[in-house]
Protein backbone atom coordinates (compact mmCIF):
# COMPACT_ATOMS: atom_id res chain seq x y z
CA MET A 1 4.61 3.36 15.12
CA ARG A 2 2.19 4.43 12.41
CA ALA A 3 3.95 2.17 9.94
CA LEU A 4 3.35 -0.85 12.24
CA VAL A 5 -0.36 0.11 12.47
CA ALA A 6 -0.49 0.44 8.70
CA GLU A 7 0.99 -3.01 8.24
CA ARG A 8 -1.77 -4.55 10.44
CA ALA A 9 -4.58 -2.28 9.73
CA LEU A 10 -8.00 -3.24 8.50
CA PRO A 11 -8.78 -1.79 5.03
CA GLY A 12 -10.75 1.19 6.31
CA LEU A 13 -7.87 2.48 8.47
CA ALA A 14 -5.27 1.48 5.86
CA ILE A 15 -7.09 3.62 3.25
CA ALA A 16 -6.82 6.61 5.53
CA LEU A 17 -3.06 5.94 6.06
CA LEU A 18 -2.46 6.04 2.32
CA GLY A 19 -2.65 9.86 2.83
CA ASP A 20 -0.06 9.90 5.67
CA PRO A 21 2.82 12.51 5.15
CA GLU A 22 5.40 9.88 5.97
CA TRP A 23 6.23 7.68 2.89
CA TRP A 24 7.03 4.61 4.89
CA VAL A 25 3.46 4.57 6.43
CA ARG A 26 2.00 4.85 2.98
CA LEU A 27 4.27 1.98 1.89
CA ALA A 28 3.22 -0.16 4.79
CA ALA A 29 -0.41 0.40 4.12
CA ILE A 30 -0.30 -0.72 0.45
CA ASP A 31 -0.94 -4.42 1.10
CA ASN A 32 -3.98 -3.77 3.31
CA VAL A 33 -6.15 -1.72 1.00
CA PRO A 34 -8.38 -2.76 -1.83
CA PRO A 35 -6.68 -2.50 -5.22
CA GLU A 36 -8.99 0.23 -6.47
CA GLN A 37 -7.53 2.54 -3.81
CA LEU A 38 -3.98 2.21 -5.14
CA ALA A 39 -4.36 4.13 -8.50
CA ALA A 40 -3.71 7.44 -6.68
CA LEU A 41 -0.40 6.24 -5.48
CA ALA A 42 0.86 5.99 -9.05
CA ASP A 43 1.75 9.70 -8.70
CA ASP A 44 3.23 9.52 -5.20
CA PRO A 45 6.44 11.58 -4.84
CA GLU A 46 8.24 8.60 -3.27
CA PRO A 47 9.56 6.09 -5.85
CA GLU A 48 9.35 3.15 -3.53
CA VAL A 49 5.67 3.85 -2.81
CA ARG A 50 4.87 4.26 -6.54
CA ALA A 51 6.68 1.00 -7.36
CA ALA A 52 4.92 -0.99 -4.63
CA ALA A 53 1.49 0.31 -5.65
CA LEU A 54 2.06 -0.38 -9.34
CA ALA A 55 3.43 -3.81 -8.55
CA ARG A 56 0.30 -4.66 -6.56
CA LEU A 57 -1.88 -3.39 -9.42
CA SER A 58 0.03 -5.36 -11.96
CA PRO A 59 -1.52 -8.88 -12.69
CA THR A 60 1.97 -10.22 -13.63
CA THR A 61 3.27 -9.46 -10.20
CA ALA A 62 0.25 -10.49 -8.20
CA VAL A 63 0.88 -12.69 -5.24
CA ARG A 64 -1.78 -14.92 -3.78
CA PRO A 65 -2.50 -14.05 -0.09
CA GLU A 66 -1.17 -17.27 1.24
CA GLU A 67 2.21 -16.56 -0.49
CA ARG A 68 2.65 -13.15 1.23
CA THR A 69 5.07 -12.90 4.11
């Protein structure tokens, strides 16, 4: 349930969910936070969370909002 909330959360709530103990909640919140909040996730213990945060921070993998699914 928290992951579903994280996927739809406004940035303020999504930022708080980046600290959730469950990795899938952190992963779900990544697309809803400002990029400057993602640097801390570069050291996340979960490889999938790290990869998603770094991909979002990388200008070569940036996706325009209208292209997101």
